[in-house]
Amino acid sequence: MKRLFGTIFAFVLLCSLLAGGYLYLLSRTPYGQSYKEIHIQRGSSLLSILQTLEHEEIIANAEFFRLYLVARGIAHQVRAGDYQFRPQMTPHQVAEELIKGDFKTYRFTIPEGWSITQIANYLEERGLTKADPFKAVCFDKEWIHSLGIAQDSLEGYLYPSTYETYYPQSPKDLATMMVKKFQTVFTDEMKLRAQQIGLSVHEVVTLASIVEKETGRAEERPLIASVFDNRLKIKMPLQSDPTVIYGIPDFNGNITRRDLSTFTPYNTYVIPGLPPGPIASPGKDALLAVLYPAETEYLYFVSKNNGSHIFSKTLREHNRNVQKYQIRREN
């Protein structure tokens, strides 16, 4: 009889505590009048999560809230992640947010022609990851090979697109997302076409990255690709300034004659053929331009200083264009 009485008393006491705690939570003055973004680190314990919510005034008391979750049998369902809590949410609403995994999503866009370094810096600016760890995984050869990329880096394979992700994501998660997008975009048909024109996938990506850096105009990409294709066929150096720039550590924005004559693996003024790998992430248009270049006899092109280029077949014609669009403009 005493044991039964003790059990009943304990049950009533627990119910009283939970009811009192719940009323206390409900009576707490709500925070502010706008959404609060709360980041809960992966691997955080339940108590740590609730202490964070208490500190941010999402709930009034971490221990009472824990008892409330336990009483509902959902304490084990609380998940880490990134949340947006609106003003005046009840404990029930907060709990539902924590267990249903309705995390805030982040959208970010990687433009065509960005390098690993530019992508890494951008992701850090967005608060999605740190730049150095992201760059480190992009040069982790063993891990890169596990993704099906038989190269020493992911340069060129971080496909430029708009992505949506939950936070937190590891550097590997983010890089994997971009590589998988590339592998989806570069279809079996495109692989077959690469074989037909005598290029490996890596060579296509490398040349496409150069085309991408040379022009921002979609209509010009097949023409730019035709120039490089024609040069490769006659074993003429590509002489692409973007490749030279890529090979210069801490480039200051001013390319010099000395830069053009200094050997680096990426200086296509002094090395024959393609550089050892991509210099940026090409988009689909640049990839298709390399796979299906325009049929021309062009060997040269020069910027018209308005975002477009003028193309020529001979060196004499090219020199006239340089005189017209570059030298006179500089003077």
Protein backbone atom coordinates (compact mmCIF):
# COMPACT_ATOMS: atom_id res chain seq x y z
CA MET A 1 0.00 0.00 0.00
CA LYS A 2 2.83 2.38 0.89
CA ARG A 3 4.60 1.52 -2.38
CA LEU A 4 1.41 2.23 -4.36
CA PHE A 5 0.94 5.52 -2.52
CA GLY A 6 4.58 6.47 -3.21
CA THR A 7 4.17 5.69 -6.90
CA ILE A 8 0.99 7.75 -7.14
CA PHE A 9 2.64 10.63 -5.26
CA ALA A 10 5.66 10.57 -7.56
CA PHE A 11 3.41 10.55 -10.62
CA VAL A 12 1.36 13.47 -9.32
CA LEU A 13 4.54 15.37 -8.46
CA LEU A 14 5.96 14.81 -11.93
CA CYS A 15 2.71 15.94 -13.52
CA SER A 16 2.72 19.02 -11.32
CA LEU A 17 6.30 19.84 -12.27
CA LEU A 18 5.58 19.38 -15.94
CA ALA A 19 2.37 21.40 -15.74
CA GLY A 20 4.09 24.12 -13.75
CA GLY A 21 7.03 24.18 -16.11
CA TYR A 22 4.76 24.28 -19.14
CA LEU A 23 2.77 27.18 -17.66
CA TYR A 24 6.05 28.94 -16.86
CA LEU A 25 7.18 28.47 -20.44
CA LEU A 26 3.89 29.79 -21.74
CA SER A 27 3.96 32.80 -19.44
CA ARG A 28 7.43 33.88 -20.57
CA THR A 29 7.48 37.20 -22.43
CA PRO A 30 8.12 36.38 -26.12
CA TYR A 31 11.35 37.60 -27.69
CA GLY A 32 11.31 40.51 -30.11
CA GLN A 33 9.07 40.86 -33.10
CA SER A 34 11.15 39.21 -35.82
CA TYR A 35 12.47 35.77 -36.72
CA LYS A 36 15.49 34.42 -34.91
CA GLU A 37 17.96 32.24 -36.73
CA ILE A 38 19.48 29.60 -34.47
CA HIS A 39 22.33 27.35 -35.55
CA ILE A 40 22.61 24.06 -33.66
CA GLN A 41 25.93 22.33 -34.22
CA ARG A 42 25.98 18.78 -35.52
CA GLY A 43 26.55 16.33 -32.66
CA SER A 44 25.17 18.65 -29.97
CA SER A 45 23.60 16.96 -26.97
CA LEU A 46 19.97 17.52 -26.10
CA LEU A 47 20.91 19.59 -23.06
CA SER A 48 23.30 21.71 -25.13
CA ILE A 49 20.60 22.34 -27.71
CA LEU A 50 18.08 23.39 -25.09
CA GLN A 51 20.60 25.61 -23.31
CA THR A 52 21.20 27.37 -26.61
CA LEU A 53 17.47 27.92 -27.03
CA GLU A 54 17.22 29.24 -23.47
CA HIS A 55 20.14 31.61 -24.04
CA GLU A 56 18.45 32.92 -27.20
CA GLU A 57 15.15 33.27 -25.30
CA ILE A 58 13.34 30.80 -27.55
CA ILE A 59 12.38 28.87 -24.40
CA ALA A 60 12.40 30.04 -20.81
CA ASN A 61 14.00 27.09 -19.04
CA ALA A 62 16.09 24.30 -20.57
CA GLU A 63 15.43 21.75 -17.83
CA PHE A 64 11.65 22.23 -17.83
CA PHE A 65 11.66 21.95 -21.61
CA ARG A 66 13.69 18.74 -21.44
CA LEU A 67 11.13 17.23 -19.03
CA TYR A 68 8.39 18.31 -21.40
CA LEU A 69 10.10 16.55 -24.34
CA VAL A 70 10.68 13.42 -22.24
CA ALA A 71 7.06 13.37 -21.13
CA ARG A 72 5.96 13.55 -24.76
CA GLY A 73 8.40 10.79 -25.69
CA ILE A 74 10.11 12.90 -28.36
CA ALA A 75 13.36 13.93 -26.67
CA HIS A 76 15.34 11.51 -28.85
CA GLN A 77 13.91 13.05 -32.02
CA VAL A 78 15.43 16.52 -31.54
CA ARG A 79 17.82 17.20 -34.42
CA ALA A 80 20.73 19.53 -35.01
CA GLY A 81 20.53 22.02 -37.82
CA ASP A 82 19.72 25.60 -38.71
CA TYR A 83 16.33 26.94 -37.66
CA GLN A 84 14.20 30.02 -37.92
CA PHE A 85 11.98 30.59 -34.89
CA ARG A 86 9.19 33.13 -35.15
CA PRO A 87 7.98 35.30 -32.28
CA GLN A 88 5.52 34.00 -29.68
CA MET A 89 5.97 30.32 -30.47
CA THR A 90 4.55 27.98 -27.84
CA PRO A 91 6.65 25.13 -26.42
CA HIS A 92 4.60 22.74 -28.53
CA GLN A 93 5.46 24.69 -31.69
CA VAL A 94 9.14 24.90 -30.79
CA ALA A 95 9.22 21.17 -30.15
CA GLU A 96 7.55 20.45 -33.49
CA GLU A 97 10.16 22.54 -35.27
CA LEU A 98 12.98 20.65 -33.57
CA ILE A 99 11.70 17.17 -34.40
CA LYS A 100 10.34 17.59 -37.92
CA GLY A 101 13.65 18.76 -39.34
CA ASP A 102 12.21 21.82 -41.01
CA PHE A 103 15.62 23.41 -41.29
CA LYS A 104 16.30 26.71 -42.94
CA THR A 105 17.68 26.23 -46.45
CA TYR A 106 20.49 28.22 -48.01
CA ARG A 107 20.63 29.06 -51.70
CA PHE A 108 23.94 29.95 -53.26
CA THR A 109 25.12 30.43 -56.82
CA ILE A 110 28.50 29.50 -58.27
CA PRO A 111 29.06 31.51 -61.48
CA GLU A 112 30.75 30.10 -64.57
CA GLY A 113 34.48 30.68 -64.66
CA TRP A 114 35.22 30.63 -60.94
CA SER A 115 38.26 28.79 -59.60
CA ILE A 116 38.43 26.65 -56.47
CA THR A 117 39.86 29.61 -54.55
CA GLN A 118 37.06 31.93 -55.61
CA ILE A 119 34.43 29.33 -54.74
CA ALA A 120 36.02 28.66 -51.36
CA ASN A 121 36.16 32.35 -50.48
CA TYR A 122 32.55 32.84 -51.54
CA LEU A 123 31.34 29.91 -49.43
CA GLU A 124 33.15 31.36 -46.43
CA GLU A 125 31.57 34.77 -47.03
CA ARG A 126 28.16 33.09 -47.06
CA GLY A 127 28.97 31.38 -43.76
CA LEU A 128 28.60 27.90 -45.26
CA THR A 129 32.13 26.66 -44.59
CA LYS A 130 35.68 27.90 -44.05
CA ALA A 131 37.74 28.55 -47.16
CA ASP A 132 40.89 26.65 -46.18
CA PRO A 133 39.19 23.33 -45.25
CA PHE A 134 37.16 23.53 -48.45
CA LYS A 135 40.27 24.07 -50.56
CA ALA A 136 41.99 21.23 -48.71
CA VAL A 137 39.34 18.68 -49.68
CA CYS A 138 39.47 19.93 -53.28
CA PHE A 139 43.09 18.78 -53.39
CA ASP A 140 42.65 15.55 -51.40
CA LYS A 141 43.64 13.11 -54.15
CA GLU A 142 42.41 9.92 -52.49
CA TRP A 143 39.01 11.41 -51.69
CA ILE A 144 38.73 12.99 -55.16
CA HIS A 145 39.33 9.59 -56.75
CA SER A 146 36.55 8.13 -54.61
CA LEU A 147 34.17 10.55 -56.36
CA GLY A 148 35.07 9.06 -59.72
CA ILE A 149 37.34 11.97 -60.73
CA ALA A 150 40.74 10.55 -61.68
CA GLN A 151 42.58 13.83 -61.15
CA ASP A 152 44.66 15.50 -58.47
CA SER A 153 42.23 18.33 -57.83
CA LEU A 154 38.59 19.29 -58.37
CA GLU A 155 39.46 22.38 -60.39
CA GLY A 156 36.95 22.50 -63.23
CA TYR A 157 34.66 19.87 -61.69
CA LEU A 158 32.81 22.09 -59.20
CA TYR A 159 29.93 22.73 -61.52
CA PRO A 160 28.67 26.33 -61.69
CA SER A 161 25.01 26.39 -60.76
CA THR A 162 22.53 27.49 -58.11
CA TYR A 163 22.36 25.13 -55.15
CA GLU A 164 20.09 24.75 -52.16
CA THR A 165 21.38 23.14 -49.01
CA TYR A 166 20.77 22.76 -45.32
CA TYR A 167 23.27 23.99 -42.78
CA PRO A 168 25.53 22.66 -41.43
CA GLN A 169 27.29 20.94 -44.32
CA SER A 170 30.88 19.76 -44.30
CA PRO A 171 33.36 20.92 -46.99
CA LYS A 172 33.16 17.43 -48.49
CA ASP A 173 29.36 17.58 -48.58
CA LEU A 174 29.44 20.87 -50.48
CA ALA A 175 32.14 19.75 -52.90
CA THR A 176 30.37 16.45 -53.50
CA MET A 177 27.15 18.29 -54.35
CA MET A 178 28.94 20.29 -57.07
CA VAL A 179 30.83 17.30 -58.48
CA LYS A 180 27.64 15.24 -58.72
CA LYS A 181 26.02 18.13 -60.59
CA PHE A 182 28.93 18.10 -63.06
CA GLN A 183 28.59 14.34 -63.50
CA THR A 184 24.90 14.79 -64.25
CA VAL A 185 25.46 17.60 -66.75
CA PHE A 186 28.32 15.83 -68.56
CA THR A 187 26.17 13.12 -70.10
CA ASP A 188 27.14 9.83 -71.77
CA GLU A 189 26.36 11.49 -75.10
CA MET A 190 28.91 14.19 -74.33
CA LYS A 191 31.47 11.55 -73.33
CA LEU A 192 30.90 9.78 -76.64
CA ARG A 193 31.34 13.03 -78.52
CA ALA A 194 34.62 13.66 -76.70
CA GLN A 195 35.89 10.28 -77.88
CA GLN A 196 34.81 11.04 -81.43
CA ILE A 197 36.89 14.24 -81.54
CA GLY A 198 39.86 12.63 -79.81
CA LEU A 199 39.65 14.30 -76.42
CA SER A 200 39.39 12.88 -72.92
CA VAL A 201 36.79 14.26 -70.52
CA HIS A 202 39.59 16.01 -68.64
CA GLU A 203 40.85 17.63 -71.83
CA VAL A 204 37.34 18.81 -72.67
CA VAL A 205 36.92 20.33 -69.21
CA THR A 206 40.38 21.93 -69.42
CA LEU A 207 39.75 23.54 -72.81
CA ALA A 208 36.21 24.54 -71.83
CA SER A 209 37.58 26.32 -68.75
CA ILE A 210 39.84 28.41 -71.01
CA VAL A 211 36.95 29.20 -73.35
CA GLU A 212 34.87 30.18 -70.31
CA LYS A 213 37.52 32.62 -69.10
CA GLU A 214 38.09 34.14 -72.54
CA THR A 215 34.51 35.32 -73.13
CA GLY A 216 31.32 35.90 -71.24
CA ARG A 217 29.23 35.87 -74.42
CA ALA A 218 27.50 32.59 -75.18
CA GLU A 219 27.42 33.23 -78.92
CA GLU A 220 31.21 33.64 -79.01
CA ARG A 221 32.14 30.44 -77.22
CA PRO A 222 31.95 28.15 -80.29
CA LEU A 223 34.13 30.67 -82.17
CA ILE A 224 36.69 30.88 -79.35
CA ALA A 225 36.68 27.08 -79.19
CA SER A 226 37.27 26.90 -82.94
CA VAL A 227 40.36 29.12 -82.63
CA PHE A 228 41.88 26.86 -79.99
CA ASP A 229 40.83 23.74 -81.86
CA ASN A 230 42.49 25.04 -85.04
CA ARG A 231 45.65 25.90 -83.13
CA LEU A 232 45.84 22.49 -81.49
CA LYS A 233 45.50 20.80 -84.87
CA ILE A 234 48.55 22.61 -86.27
CA LYS A 235 50.45 22.43 -82.95
CA MET A 236 50.35 26.20 -82.49
CA PRO A 237 50.55 27.50 -78.89
CA LEU A 238 47.18 28.51 -77.48
CA GLN A 239 48.59 31.78 -76.10
CA SER A 240 45.75 32.33 -73.67
CA ASP A 241 46.25 35.06 -71.08
CA PRO A 242 43.85 33.46 -68.52
CA THR A 243 46.05 30.36 -68.34
CA VAL A 244 49.11 32.52 -67.70
CA ILE A 245 47.28 34.38 -64.94
CA TYR A 246 46.18 31.11 -63.33
CA GLY A 247 49.81 30.02 -63.07
CA ILE A 248 50.93 33.22 -61.30
CA PRO A 249 50.73 33.02 -57.50
CA ASP A 250 49.10 36.14 -56.01
CA PHE A 251 48.46 37.72 -59.40
CA ASN A 252 48.17 41.51 -58.97
CA GLY A 253 45.84 42.14 -61.90
CA ASN A 254 48.48 43.42 -64.30
CA ILE A 255 49.87 40.88 -66.78
CA THR A 256 53.32 41.77 -68.16
CA ARG A 257 55.55 40.66 -71.04
CA ARG A 258 57.74 38.98 -68.47
CA ASP A 259 54.71 36.99 -67.26
CA LEU A 260 54.05 35.85 -70.81
CA SER A 261 57.59 34.54 -71.21
CA THR A 262 58.03 33.00 -67.74
CA PHE A 263 57.60 29.24 -67.66
CA THR A 264 54.81 27.75 -65.59
CA PRO A 265 52.85 24.58 -66.38
CA TYR A 266 49.92 26.87 -67.25
CA ASN A 267 51.70 29.36 -69.49
CA THR A 268 50.31 28.47 -72.90
CA TYR A 269 52.64 30.99 -74.54
CA VAL A 270 55.63 28.77 -73.74
CA ILE A 271 54.15 25.27 -73.41
CA PRO A 272 52.62 23.33 -76.32
CA GLY A 273 49.05 22.12 -76.25
CA LEU A 274 46.77 22.22 -73.24
CA PRO A 275 47.81 23.06 -69.68
CA PRO A 276 47.77 20.15 -67.19
CA GLY A 277 44.25 20.85 -66.05
CA PRO A 278 41.32 23.28 -65.92
CA ILE A 279 41.77 26.84 -64.70
CA ALA A 280 38.15 27.34 -63.63
CA SER A 281 34.71 25.74 -63.60
CA PRO A 282 33.15 25.82 -67.08
CA GLY A 283 29.41 25.85 -67.62
CA LYS A 284 27.50 23.66 -70.04
CA ASP A 285 27.68 26.18 -72.91
CA ALA A 286 31.49 26.20 -72.75
CA LEU A 287 31.62 22.40 -72.58
CA LEU A 288 29.35 22.12 -75.62
CA ALA A 289 31.39 24.74 -77.47
CA VAL A 290 34.48 22.55 -77.10
CA LEU A 291 32.58 19.43 -78.12
CA TYR A 292 30.95 21.18 -81.07
CA PRO A 293 33.20 24.10 -82.09
CA ALA A 294 32.25 26.33 -84.97
CA GLU A 295 33.77 25.40 -88.30
CA THR A 296 36.13 28.28 -89.05
CA GLU A 297 39.66 29.00 -90.20
CA TYR A 298 40.24 31.49 -87.41
CA LEU A 299 43.56 31.39 -85.57
CA TYR A 300 43.35 34.69 -83.71
CA PHE A 301 40.98 36.88 -81.76
CA VAL A 302 41.30 40.13 -79.87
CA SER A 303 39.03 41.97 -77.49
CA LYS A 304 37.07 44.94 -78.84
CA ASN A 305 36.90 46.32 -75.28
CA ASN A 306 33.12 46.05 -75.18
CA GLY A 307 32.86 42.45 -74.03
CA SER A 308 33.08 41.04 -77.55
CA HIS A 309 35.95 39.93 -79.79
CA ILE A 310 36.98 40.23 -83.40
CA PHE A 311 38.37 37.12 -85.13
CA SER A 312 40.93 36.75 -87.89
CA LYS A 313 42.57 34.07 -90.00
CA THR A 314 46.02 35.59 -90.48
CA LEU A 315 48.62 37.25 -88.29
CA ARG A 316 48.60 40.33 -90.51
CA GLU A 317 44.86 40.74 -90.07
CA HIS A 318 45.20 40.11 -86.36
CA ASN A 319 47.88 42.77 -85.98
CA ARG A 320 45.61 45.30 -87.68
CA ASN A 321 42.85 44.43 -85.24
CA VAL A 322 45.22 44.77 -82.30
CA GLN A 323 46.27 48.19 -83.63
CA LYS A 324 42.65 49.22 -84.03
CA TYR A 325 41.12 47.93 -80.82
CA GLN A 326 44.00 47.79 -78.35
CA ILE A 327 47.00 49.97 -79.09
CA ARG A 328 45.09 53.03 -80.29
CA ARG A 329 42.73 52.75 -77.36
CA GLU A 330 45.65 52.67 -74.93
CA ASN A 331 47.12 55.77 -76.54
